[in-house]
Amino acid sequence: MKNIVLLASGSGSNAENIIKYFREKKISHNFHIITNKKDAFVLERAKNLNVSAEVITKKQNDEGILFDRINELKPDLIVLAGYLLLFPAQIVALYPNKIVNIHPALLPKFGGKGMYGGFVHDAVVANKETETGITIHFVSEHYDEGAVIFQAKTPVAEIDTALDVANKVHELEYEHFPKVIEKLLDD
């Protein structure tokens, strides 16, 4: 049985999807959720899924508490599923190729600080892109610059709004993120 730490800053729909995927396949793993926001809906999802969860604020992260907690949990894989803080370099150094993030665009396009969620989809539409997608990548010391593990594409029509793009991207996330995590855990 492997230990998977999921980090999310908001709703936690990807975290929930990942947990449900493994449960439906009857693959037994220990999940633990960490969020940096006390009011994040991911805490409610964790409760409903009977998964342990906790809040480690940005201030606590800066004080090294996240680093200490990750080391206590001894994860086989750390999954950033909508976690919006820059991940601490000391954790990245300690867990090379064991920290995975999903980005709602085809990196290197539309990546970097401040490029998340709706901001990415707005930029895709504003730039009249004909396709977008998801990028699952290893985490490095810089936003969205780690080695790419997997990408999936979806077309963007001229009439698509940012919300249309978001819906297409979410479908890709839900379909592919759990499968990529499963493969990484099996390697």
Protein backbone atom coordinates (compact mmCIF):
# COMPACT_ATOMS: atom_id res chain seq x y z
CA MET A 1 0.00 0.00 0.00
CA LYS A 2 1.42 3.36 -1.04
CA ASN A 3 1.10 6.76 0.63
CA ILE A 4 -0.19 9.55 -1.58
CA VAL A 5 -0.30 13.13 -0.36
CA LEU A 6 -2.69 15.35 -2.33
CA LEU A 7 -2.37 19.13 -2.07
CA ALA A 8 -5.16 21.45 -3.18
CA SER A 9 -6.00 25.11 -2.57
CA GLY A 10 -9.64 25.19 -3.55
CA SER A 11 -12.50 22.94 -4.58
CA GLY A 12 -10.53 19.70 -4.72
CA SER A 13 -12.46 18.12 -7.58
CA ASN A 14 -9.29 16.57 -9.02
CA ALA A 15 -8.31 15.22 -5.59
CA GLU A 16 -11.76 13.66 -5.20
CA ASN A 17 -11.61 12.21 -8.71
CA ILE A 18 -8.21 10.62 -8.02
CA ILE A 19 -9.36 9.03 -4.76
CA LYS A 20 -12.55 7.70 -6.34
CA TYR A 21 -10.60 6.30 -9.30
CA PHE A 22 -8.36 4.23 -7.04
CA ARG A 23 -11.27 3.09 -4.88
CA GLU A 24 -13.35 2.03 -7.89
CA LYS A 25 -10.42 0.00 -9.20
CA LYS A 26 -10.02 -1.47 -5.69
CA ILE A 27 -6.42 -0.27 -5.53
CA SER A 28 -5.74 0.32 -1.87
CA HIS A 29 -3.61 3.36 -1.04
CA ASN A 30 -3.39 5.72 1.90
CA PHE A 31 -4.49 9.23 0.93
CA HIS A 32 -3.88 12.39 2.91
CA ILE A 33 -5.01 15.86 1.82
CA ILE A 34 -3.25 19.10 2.67
CA THR A 35 -4.64 22.53 1.80
CA ASN A 36 -3.29 25.99 2.45
CA LYS A 37 -6.75 27.54 2.92
CA LYS A 38 -8.97 27.03 5.96
CA ASP A 39 -12.15 27.49 3.89
CA ALA A 40 -11.15 25.30 0.92
CA PHE A 41 -13.95 23.00 -0.22
CA VAL A 42 -11.42 20.19 -0.54
CA LEU A 43 -11.75 19.79 3.26
CA GLU A 44 -15.44 18.96 2.85
CA ARG A 45 -14.62 16.51 0.06
CA ALA A 46 -12.03 14.83 2.31
CA LYS A 47 -14.59 14.51 5.09
CA ASN A 48 -17.16 13.00 2.70
CA LEU A 49 -14.55 10.54 1.39
CA ASN A 50 -13.33 9.67 4.89
CA VAL A 51 -9.80 10.83 4.03
CA SER A 52 -7.54 12.55 6.53
CA ALA A 53 -6.96 16.23 5.80
CA GLU A 54 -5.32 19.25 7.35
CA VAL A 55 -4.61 22.91 6.76
CA ILE A 56 -1.04 24.19 6.52
CA THR A 57 -1.21 27.90 5.76
CA LYS A 58 1.23 29.82 3.60
CA LYS A 59 2.77 31.27 6.77
CA GLN A 60 3.21 27.79 8.23
CA ASN A 61 4.61 26.61 4.91
CA ASP A 62 7.15 29.45 5.01
CA GLU A 63 8.08 28.36 8.57
CA GLY A 64 8.91 24.83 7.36
CA ILE A 65 5.84 23.07 8.76
CA LEU A 66 4.85 21.65 5.36
CA PHE A 67 8.36 20.25 4.95
CA ASP A 68 8.20 18.59 8.38
CA ARG A 69 4.71 17.21 7.77
CA ILE A 70 5.58 15.77 4.35
CA ASN A 71 8.56 13.99 5.92
CA GLU A 72 6.32 12.56 8.66
CA LEU A 73 3.86 11.22 6.07
CA LYS A 74 6.63 9.56 4.01
CA PRO A 75 4.76 9.77 0.70
CA ASP A 76 5.45 7.54 -2.25
CA LEU A 77 3.98 10.31 -4.42
CA ILE A 78 3.00 13.93 -3.82
CA VAL A 79 0.25 15.19 -6.11
CA LEU A 80 -0.50 18.88 -6.59
CA ALA A 81 -4.13 19.02 -7.65
CA GLY A 82 -4.91 22.71 -7.82
CA TYR A 83 -2.32 23.76 -5.24
CA LEU A 84 -1.52 27.38 -5.97
CA LEU A 85 1.57 28.05 -3.87
CA LEU A 86 5.10 27.62 -5.17
CA PHE A 87 6.15 24.26 -3.80
CA PRO A 88 9.11 24.49 -1.38
CA ALA A 89 12.46 23.82 -3.07
CA GLN A 90 13.69 21.77 -0.11
CA ILE A 91 10.82 19.29 -0.59
CA VAL A 92 11.45 19.19 -4.36
CA ALA A 93 15.11 18.36 -3.67
CA LEU A 94 14.20 15.61 -1.19
CA TYR A 95 11.59 13.96 -3.47
CA PRO A 96 12.96 14.11 -7.03
CA ASN A 97 10.47 12.83 -9.60
CA LYS A 98 7.97 12.09 -6.80
CA ILE A 99 6.03 15.37 -6.99
CA VAL A 100 3.50 15.74 -9.79
CA ASN A 101 1.39 18.71 -10.90
CA ILE A 102 -1.34 19.17 -13.47
CA HIS A 103 -1.57 22.36 -15.50
CA PRO A 104 -4.69 23.34 -17.51
CA ALA A 105 -2.81 24.14 -20.73
CA LEU A 106 -0.21 22.71 -23.05
CA LEU A 107 3.01 23.87 -21.45
CA PRO A 108 5.16 25.76 -22.10
CA LYS A 109 2.28 27.95 -23.26
CA PHE A 110 0.29 29.77 -20.58
CA GLY A 111 2.42 28.68 -17.63
CA GLY A 112 4.16 30.46 -14.80
CA LYS A 113 3.20 32.51 -11.79
CA GLY A 114 -0.40 33.68 -11.85
CA MET A 115 -1.37 31.33 -14.67
CA TYR A 116 -3.92 28.98 -13.16
CA GLY A 117 -7.59 28.09 -13.58
CA GLY A 118 -9.69 30.73 -15.30
CA PHE A 119 -6.68 32.93 -16.06
CA VAL A 120 -5.29 30.21 -18.30
CA HIS A 121 -8.59 29.64 -20.10
CA ASP A 122 -9.08 33.40 -20.60
CA ALA A 123 -5.60 33.61 -22.14
CA VAL A 124 -6.25 30.65 -24.45
CA VAL A 125 -9.41 32.31 -25.80
CA ALA A 126 -7.85 35.78 -25.99
CA ASN A 127 -4.93 34.40 -28.01
CA LYS A 128 -7.32 32.63 -30.40
CA GLU A 129 -5.66 29.26 -29.82
CA THR A 130 -7.03 26.40 -31.92
CA GLU A 131 -6.16 23.81 -29.29
CA THR A 132 -5.40 23.55 -25.61
CA GLY A 133 -5.21 20.73 -23.13
CA ILE A 134 -3.50 19.53 -20.01
CA THR A 135 0.09 18.98 -19.00
CA ILE A 136 1.04 16.63 -16.21
CA HIS A 137 4.60 17.32 -15.15
CA PHE A 138 7.12 16.79 -12.40
CA VAL A 139 7.47 19.73 -10.04
CA SER A 140 10.66 21.78 -10.03
CA GLU A 141 11.68 24.88 -8.08
CA HIS A 142 9.88 27.08 -10.63
CA TYR A 143 6.22 27.29 -11.61
CA ASP A 144 5.34 24.93 -14.47
CA GLU A 145 8.91 24.22 -15.55
CA GLY A 146 9.37 20.59 -14.49
CA ALA A 147 9.78 17.74 -16.98
CA VAL A 148 6.60 16.89 -18.87
CA ILE A 149 5.18 13.43 -18.14
CA PHE A 150 2.01 13.56 -20.25
CA GLN A 151 -0.04 15.93 -22.38
CA ALA A 152 -3.54 15.60 -23.84
CA LYS A 153 -5.11 18.00 -26.33
CA THR A 154 -8.58 19.26 -27.11
CA PRO A 155 -9.69 21.58 -29.92
CA VAL A 156 -10.78 25.14 -29.23
CA ALA A 157 -13.51 26.42 -31.55
CA GLU A 158 -13.72 30.09 -32.55
CA ILE A 159 -17.01 30.37 -30.65
CA ASP A 160 -15.69 28.75 -27.44
CA THR A 161 -15.78 30.89 -24.32
CA ALA A 162 -13.32 30.52 -21.46
CA LEU A 163 -15.99 28.47 -19.68
CA ASP A 164 -16.29 26.13 -22.69
CA VAL A 165 -12.51 25.71 -22.67
CA ALA A 166 -12.53 25.07 -18.91
CA ASN A 167 -15.13 22.32 -19.32
CA LYS A 168 -13.11 20.62 -22.05
CA VAL A 169 -9.94 20.82 -19.97
CA HIS A 170 -11.69 19.44 -16.86
CA GLU A 171 -12.81 16.41 -18.87
CA LEU A 172 -9.19 15.75 -19.84
CA GLU A 173 -8.03 16.21 -16.24
CA TYR A 174 -10.58 13.77 -14.85
CA GLU A 175 -9.85 11.20 -17.55
CA HIS A 176 -6.05 11.27 -17.54
CA PHE A 177 -4.69 12.49 -14.19
CA PRO A 178 -5.61 9.38 -12.16
CA LYS A 179 -4.28 7.05 -14.88
CA VAL A 180 -0.93 8.86 -15.02
CA ILE A 181 -0.68 8.73 -11.21
CA GLU A 182 -1.43 5.00 -11.27
CA LYS A 183 1.30 4.44 -13.84
CA LEU A 184 3.82 6.47 -11.83
CA LEU A 185 3.04 4.44 -8.71
CA ASP A 186 3.48 1.19 -10.63
CA ASP A 187 6.90 2.17 -12.05
